[in-house]
Amino acid sequence: MKQTDVKILVEGGIMIALATLLSFIKVFEMPQGGSVTAVSMAPILIYSCRHGVKKGLVVSTVYGIFQYLLQGGFSIHPMSILLDYILAFGVLGIAGMWKGRQLTELLGCCVAIALRYVVLVISGVVVWGSYAPEGVSPLRYSIGYNASYMLPEGILTIVIIAVLYRKVIRSMKLSV
């Protein structure tokens, strides 16, 4: 293994650890799961933008598994583990497809966050649909429920990444 490969691997571990720590700082938590955190997706998205989609997907999927194991993940069916944790966090690595310049990377982060939301909405319909109030379709309920925490979390994450981009992320790109 080359020294650069080791650095990239270690950086992935550090970003997973940082994201995990940030995920424990909850600004707001929903009753059936989901929360607004201290922008816990940001380290995973930054890693994906720095190292591309392949490495980003690996790191984001490992992060999703850690979220299930360390956050006391609740599951009523194996599909909820797959959708709510492995796929929902795993798609964050997609941001690496737009690796390059600030605007394209921010677009990639927006797409990745939107894909996470879509996976969570699908999970809300497929797995958690029975929690919808009487007379409300599971799809409509899932769209609203997941938007209530994903929208603020996504906006905060994009703002923080945009602010950090010039001061931190650009200088990090020069070091690896």
Protein backbone atom coordinates (compact mmCIF):
# COMPACT_ATOMS: atom_id res chain seq x y z
CA MET A 1 0.00 0.00 0.00
CA LYS A 2 1.37 3.40 -0.99
CA GLN A 3 1.76 6.21 1.52
CA THR A 4 -0.93 8.24 -0.25
CA ASP A 5 -3.37 5.31 0.01
CA VAL A 6 -2.72 5.10 3.74
CA LYS A 7 -3.32 8.85 4.12
CA ILE A 8 -6.61 8.60 2.24
CA LEU A 9 -7.67 5.59 4.34
CA VAL A 10 -6.79 7.36 7.58
CA GLU A 11 -8.60 10.50 6.42
CA GLY A 12 -11.70 8.37 5.75
CA GLY A 13 -11.54 6.97 9.29
CA ILE A 14 -11.11 10.45 10.76
CA MET A 15 -14.07 11.80 8.76
CA ILE A 16 -16.27 8.87 9.87
CA ALA A 17 -15.24 9.51 13.50
CA LEU A 18 -15.88 13.26 13.18
CA ALA A 19 -19.26 12.72 11.53
CA THR A 20 -20.19 10.22 14.23
CA LEU A 21 -19.24 12.66 17.00
CA LEU A 22 -21.21 15.46 15.33
CA SER A 23 -24.23 13.16 15.00
CA PHE A 24 -24.44 12.93 18.79
CA ILE A 25 -24.98 16.71 18.98
CA LYS A 26 -28.67 16.94 18.23
CA VAL A 27 -30.32 20.31 17.73
CA PHE A 28 -33.74 18.75 17.21
CA GLU A 29 -34.96 15.15 17.24
CA MET A 30 -38.10 13.68 15.70
CA PRO A 31 -40.23 11.23 17.74
CA GLN A 32 -39.90 8.25 15.35
CA GLY A 33 -36.30 8.91 14.32
CA GLY A 34 -34.40 11.49 12.35
CA SER A 35 -32.80 14.62 13.70
CA VAL A 36 -31.10 17.89 12.93
CA THR A 37 -27.52 17.48 14.06
CA ALA A 38 -24.40 19.62 14.19
CA VAL A 39 -24.01 19.11 10.40
CA SER A 40 -22.86 15.51 10.78
CA MET A 41 -23.09 14.83 7.03
CA ALA A 42 -20.46 17.50 6.24
CA PRO A 43 -17.31 15.42 6.92
CA ILE A 44 -18.62 12.57 4.75
CA LEU A 45 -19.58 14.93 1.93
CA ILE A 46 -16.22 16.72 2.12
CA TYR A 47 -14.37 13.40 1.98
CA SER A 48 -16.43 12.34 -1.05
CA CYS A 49 -15.69 15.59 -2.86
CA ARG A 50 -11.98 15.25 -2.12
CA HIS A 51 -11.55 11.61 -3.12
CA GLY A 52 -14.32 10.84 -5.58
CA VAL A 53 -17.42 8.71 -5.73
CA LYS A 54 -15.88 5.25 -5.24
CA LYS A 55 -14.09 6.06 -1.99
CA GLY A 56 -16.95 8.33 -0.96
CA LEU A 57 -19.49 5.51 -1.30
CA VAL A 58 -17.34 3.20 0.83
CA VAL A 59 -16.86 5.77 3.60
CA SER A 60 -20.49 6.90 3.59
CA THR A 61 -21.76 3.31 3.73
CA VAL A 62 -19.45 2.49 6.66
CA TYR A 63 -20.71 5.66 8.33
CA GLY A 64 -24.30 4.45 7.85
CA ILE A 65 -23.46 1.12 9.50
CA PHE A 66 -21.87 2.98 12.43
CA GLN A 67 -24.97 5.15 12.73
CA TYR A 68 -27.10 2.04 13.13
CA LEU A 69 -24.74 0.41 15.63
CA LEU A 70 -23.79 3.45 17.72
CA GLN A 71 -26.98 5.52 17.69
CA GLY A 72 -29.15 2.67 18.91
CA GLY A 73 -30.68 2.12 15.50
CA PHE A 74 -34.25 0.92 15.65
CA SER A 75 -35.56 -1.57 13.15
CA ILE A 76 -38.92 -3.24 12.71
CA HIS A 77 -37.77 -5.03 9.56
CA PRO A 78 -34.42 -5.71 7.84
CA MET A 79 -35.51 -3.30 5.09
CA SER A 80 -35.40 -0.45 7.60
CA ILE A 81 -31.73 -1.20 8.33
CA LEU A 82 -30.98 -1.25 4.62
CA LEU A 83 -33.00 1.86 3.73
CA ASP A 84 -32.67 4.07 6.83
CA TYR A 85 -28.99 3.48 7.49
CA ILE A 86 -26.97 1.69 4.83
CA LEU A 87 -28.54 3.27 1.72
CA ALA A 88 -29.67 6.59 3.22
CA PHE A 89 -26.17 7.41 4.46
CA GLY A 90 -24.45 5.46 1.68
CA VAL A 91 -25.79 7.74 -1.05
CA LEU A 92 -23.87 10.67 0.45
CA GLY A 93 -20.82 9.31 -1.39
CA ILE A 94 -22.51 10.28 -4.66
CA ALA A 95 -21.25 13.83 -3.99
CA GLY A 96 -17.88 12.62 -5.23
CA MET A 97 -19.22 12.47 -8.79
CA TRP A 98 -18.93 16.26 -8.92
CA LYS A 99 -15.34 16.39 -7.66
CA GLY A 100 -13.60 19.45 -9.01
CA ARG A 101 -14.52 23.05 -8.33
CA GLN A 102 -16.49 24.68 -5.52
CA LEU A 103 -19.77 25.16 -7.39
CA THR A 104 -19.82 21.65 -8.82
CA GLU A 105 -18.91 20.15 -5.46
CA LEU A 106 -21.68 22.11 -3.72
CA LEU A 107 -24.08 20.89 -6.41
CA GLY A 108 -22.88 17.34 -5.75
CA CYS A 109 -23.49 17.79 -2.02
CA CYS A 110 -27.02 19.05 -2.76
CA VAL A 111 -27.71 16.06 -5.00
CA ALA A 112 -26.36 13.63 -2.39
CA ILE A 113 -28.50 15.16 0.37
CA ALA A 114 -31.56 15.10 -1.92
CA LEU A 115 -30.91 11.41 -2.69
CA ARG A 116 -30.67 10.67 1.04
CA TYR A 117 -34.06 12.37 1.45
CA VAL A 118 -35.54 10.29 -1.40
CA VAL A 119 -34.29 7.05 0.19
CA LEU A 120 -35.78 8.11 3.54
CA VAL A 121 -39.13 8.92 1.89
CA ILE A 122 -39.14 5.48 0.24
CA SER A 123 -38.37 3.91 3.61
CA GLY A 124 -41.17 5.95 5.17
CA VAL A 125 -43.65 4.50 2.70
CA VAL A 126 -42.35 0.92 2.53
CA VAL A 127 -41.38 0.32 6.16
CA TRP A 128 -42.97 3.02 8.30
CA GLY A 129 -46.20 3.68 6.38
CA SER A 130 -48.35 2.35 9.22
CA TYR A 131 -47.31 5.35 11.35
CA ALA A 132 -49.13 7.75 9.02
CA PRO A 133 -52.14 9.34 10.72
CA GLU A 134 -55.51 8.00 9.66
CA GLY A 135 -56.64 9.54 6.41
CA VAL A 136 -53.12 10.63 5.37
CA SER A 137 -51.36 8.65 2.67
CA PRO A 138 -48.04 7.08 3.74
CA LEU A 139 -46.28 8.92 0.87
CA ARG A 140 -47.58 12.32 1.91
CA TYR A 141 -46.76 11.64 5.56
CA SER A 142 -43.26 10.42 4.71
CA ILE A 143 -42.54 13.44 2.51
CA GLY A 144 -43.53 15.84 5.31
CA TYR A 145 -42.01 13.90 8.18
CA ASN A 146 -38.62 13.47 6.54
CA ALA A 147 -38.56 17.04 5.19
CA SER A 148 -39.11 18.39 8.71
CA TYR A 149 -35.57 17.41 9.71
CA MET A 150 -33.76 16.78 6.40
CA LEU A 151 -34.47 20.25 5.00
CA PRO A 152 -32.90 22.18 7.91
CA GLU A 153 -30.07 19.63 8.21
CA GLY A 154 -29.37 19.83 4.48
CA ILE A 155 -29.42 23.63 4.35
CA LEU A 156 -27.13 23.94 7.39
CA THR A 157 -24.73 21.38 5.92
CA ILE A 158 -24.50 23.14 2.56
CA VAL A 159 -23.99 26.53 4.24
CA ILE A 160 -21.19 25.17 6.46
CA ILE A 161 -19.47 23.43 3.53
CA ALA A 162 -19.70 26.62 1.45
CA VAL A 163 -18.22 28.70 4.28
CA LEU A 164 -15.44 26.18 4.95
CA TYR A 165 -14.66 25.63 1.29
CA ARG A 166 -12.31 28.54 0.73
CA LYS A 167 -10.66 28.51 4.12
CA VAL A 168 -10.30 24.80 4.80
CA ILE A 169 -11.28 22.50 1.97
CA ARG A 170 -9.22 24.18 -0.75
CA SER A 171 -6.08 24.06 1.44
CA MET A 172 -6.77 20.40 2.27
CA LYS A 173 -6.78 19.59 -1.44
CA LEU A 174 -3.22 20.81 -1.74
CA SER A 175 -1.97 18.50 1.02
CA VAL A 176 -3.04 15.10 -0.41
